[in-house]
Amino acid sequence: MTGRQATRFLDATPAQVRDALLNPLALPGWNPAFKHLDGPARATTGVPYGLTVIGGFTGTWHYTRTEEREIAYTWQIPGFRETGTWHLRPLNEGTRVTHGFTHEGPLARALAKAYRGVAELRLDRLTGQSARPRLLTDAAV
């Protein structure tokens, strides 16, 4: 079993971050490993979402917890299982987000090096999904 974790400050409210994380059908738009998710448009704990990943492998995605400050999930394809969490903590006018995950299975062991830095990449992509729009001030125009 291998695990990864990273933390970032996002210039977005916890509600904005939650909205991005609890929009399962949008996950393929910011997680390039996912090609397609099929299921309810809003996160539903325990419901299996059909998942297709790069390479054409198919499996399932499940939300296992969708609490105010923690979102947990699992996804799996043959030979690979990821269990992960997103911890949200309000901080000033934004959110401190910690993302961690573990992998199991023979395919996970074979891909272990490829997942170095992935927690950080996911947080960077989440930033783009949940960022607050900024208004230009007169000085910036």
Protein backbone atom coordinates (compact mmCIF):
# COMPACT_ATOMS: atom_id res chain seq x y z
CA MET A 1 0.00 0.00 0.00
CA THR A 2 1.32 3.46 -0.91
CA GLY A 3 0.08 6.82 0.33
CA ARG A 4 0.45 10.47 -0.59
CA GLN A 5 -0.68 13.71 1.07
CA ALA A 6 -0.43 17.46 0.45
CA THR A 7 -1.93 20.66 1.84
CA ARG A 8 -2.72 23.97 0.15
CA PHE A 9 -4.46 27.23 0.99
CA LEU A 10 -7.22 27.91 -1.51
CA ASP A 11 -8.59 31.38 -2.11
CA ALA A 12 -12.13 30.01 -1.96
CA THR A 13 -14.66 29.46 0.79
CA PRO A 14 -15.19 25.96 2.18
CA ALA A 15 -18.61 25.98 0.46
CA GLN A 16 -16.99 26.67 -2.92
CA VAL A 17 -14.44 23.91 -2.39
CA ARG A 18 -17.18 21.48 -1.31
CA ASP A 19 -19.24 22.37 -4.38
CA ALA A 20 -16.31 21.47 -6.64
CA LEU A 21 -15.60 18.21 -4.80
CA LEU A 22 -19.26 17.17 -4.63
CA ASN A 23 -19.86 17.58 -8.35
CA PRO A 24 -18.88 14.06 -9.45
CA LEU A 25 -19.80 14.42 -13.12
CA ALA A 26 -17.32 17.32 -13.39
CA LEU A 27 -14.39 15.32 -11.96
CA PRO A 28 -13.14 14.20 -15.42
CA GLY A 29 -12.81 17.88 -16.34
CA TRP A 30 -10.07 18.42 -13.79
CA ASN A 31 -8.72 14.91 -13.17
CA PRO A 32 -7.10 13.80 -16.44
CA ALA A 33 -6.96 10.15 -15.32
CA PHE A 34 -10.77 10.06 -15.45
CA LYS A 35 -12.45 9.90 -18.83
CA HIS A 36 -16.06 9.50 -17.69
CA LEU A 37 -18.19 9.19 -14.56
CA ASP A 38 -21.79 8.07 -14.74
CA GLY A 39 -24.30 8.46 -11.90
CA PRO A 40 -26.23 11.10 -9.96
CA ALA A 41 -25.24 14.70 -10.70
CA ARG A 42 -24.90 15.49 -7.00
CA ALA A 43 -22.70 13.48 -4.65
CA THR A 44 -24.56 10.56 -3.16
CA THR A 45 -22.81 8.58 -0.42
CA GLY A 46 -22.60 4.85 -1.05
CA VAL A 47 -23.93 4.96 -4.62
CA PRO A 48 -21.57 3.41 -7.17
CA TYR A 49 -20.71 5.68 -10.07
CA GLY A 50 -19.54 4.01 -13.24
CA LEU A 51 -15.97 5.12 -13.97
CA THR A 52 -13.82 4.94 -17.09
CA VAL A 53 -10.16 5.92 -16.79
CA ILE A 54 -7.39 6.44 -19.31
CA GLY A 55 -6.50 3.24 -21.07
CA GLY A 56 -10.18 2.28 -21.22
CA PHE A 57 -10.24 0.55 -17.82
CA THR A 58 -13.65 0.59 -16.15
CA GLY A 59 -14.56 0.46 -12.51
CA THR A 60 -16.46 2.40 -9.86
CA TRP A 61 -16.27 5.60 -7.81
CA HIS A 62 -17.98 5.88 -4.40
CA TYR A 63 -18.36 8.78 -1.99
CA THR A 64 -17.96 7.22 1.44
CA ARG A 65 -18.37 10.41 3.51
CA THR A 66 -19.59 13.90 2.62
CA GLU A 67 -19.37 15.84 5.85
CA GLU A 68 -18.96 19.59 6.15
CA ARG A 69 -15.21 19.42 6.70
CA GLU A 70 -14.32 16.03 5.25
CA ILE A 71 -15.10 14.32 1.99
CA ALA A 72 -13.96 10.73 1.52
CA TYR A 73 -14.11 8.45 -1.51
CA THR A 74 -12.87 5.26 -3.09
CA TRP A 75 -12.41 4.37 -6.70
CA GLN A 76 -11.25 1.17 -8.22
CA ILE A 77 -10.50 -0.60 -11.45
CA PRO A 78 -9.12 -4.14 -11.82
CA GLY A 79 -5.83 -4.33 -9.89
CA PHE A 80 -6.06 -0.80 -8.46
CA ARG A 81 -7.95 0.81 -5.58
CA GLU A 82 -7.61 4.36 -4.28
CA THR A 83 -9.04 5.49 -0.93
CA GLY A 84 -8.82 9.22 -0.32
CA THR A 85 -9.93 12.19 1.73
CA TRP A 86 -10.24 15.93 1.38
CA HIS A 87 -10.09 17.82 4.71
CA LEU A 88 -11.40 21.39 4.62
CA ARG A 89 -10.60 24.00 7.29
CA PRO A 90 -11.74 27.61 7.07
CA LEU A 91 -8.74 29.94 7.27
CA ASN A 92 -9.07 33.71 7.06
CA GLU A 93 -11.18 34.25 3.92
CA GLY A 94 -10.21 30.97 2.28
CA THR A 95 -9.82 27.28 2.99
CA ARG A 96 -6.91 25.11 4.05
CA VAL A 97 -7.33 21.84 2.15
CA THR A 98 -5.44 18.64 2.86
CA HIS A 99 -5.78 15.87 0.31
CA GLY A 100 -4.49 12.39 1.03
CA PHE A 101 -4.90 8.99 -0.56
CA THR A 102 -3.65 5.43 -0.44
CA HIS A 103 -3.38 2.86 -3.20
CA GLU A 104 -3.69 -0.91 -3.13
CA GLY A 105 -3.35 -3.66 -5.69
CA PRO A 106 -0.82 -4.94 -8.22
CA LEU A 107 -1.48 -2.14 -10.72
CA ALA A 108 -1.10 0.40 -7.90
CA ARG A 109 2.31 -1.05 -7.05
CA ALA A 110 3.38 -0.86 -10.69
CA LEU A 111 2.27 2.80 -10.92
CA ALA A 112 3.59 3.94 -7.52
CA LYS A 113 6.30 6.22 -8.94
CA ALA A 114 3.84 7.85 -11.34
CA TYR A 115 1.75 9.02 -8.38
CA ARG A 116 4.50 11.11 -6.81
CA GLY A 117 3.29 14.70 -6.70
CA VAL A 118 -0.28 13.78 -7.64
CA ALA A 119 -1.79 15.05 -4.38
CA GLU A 120 -0.23 18.46 -5.12
CA LEU A 121 -1.43 18.40 -8.72
CA ARG A 122 -4.97 17.59 -7.62
CA LEU A 123 -4.92 20.50 -5.17
CA ASP A 124 -3.69 22.82 -7.92
CA ARG A 125 -6.53 21.68 -10.20
CA LEU A 126 -9.06 22.01 -7.36
CA THR A 127 -7.87 25.59 -6.93
CA GLY A 128 -8.93 26.30 -10.52
CA GLN A 129 -12.31 24.63 -9.98
CA SER A 130 -13.19 26.48 -6.79
CA ALA A 131 -11.43 29.84 -7.13
CA ARG A 132 -13.39 32.96 -6.34
CA PRO A 133 -13.97 35.32 -9.23
CA ARG A 134 -12.19 38.60 -8.58
CA LEU A 135 -13.60 41.99 -9.45
CA LEU A 136 -11.23 44.43 -11.09
CA THR A 137 -10.78 47.64 -9.17
CA ASP A 138 -10.53 51.00 -10.89
CA ALA A 139 -6.80 50.97 -10.22
CA ALA A 140 -6.41 47.67 -12.08
CA VAL A 141 -8.27 48.83 -15.19
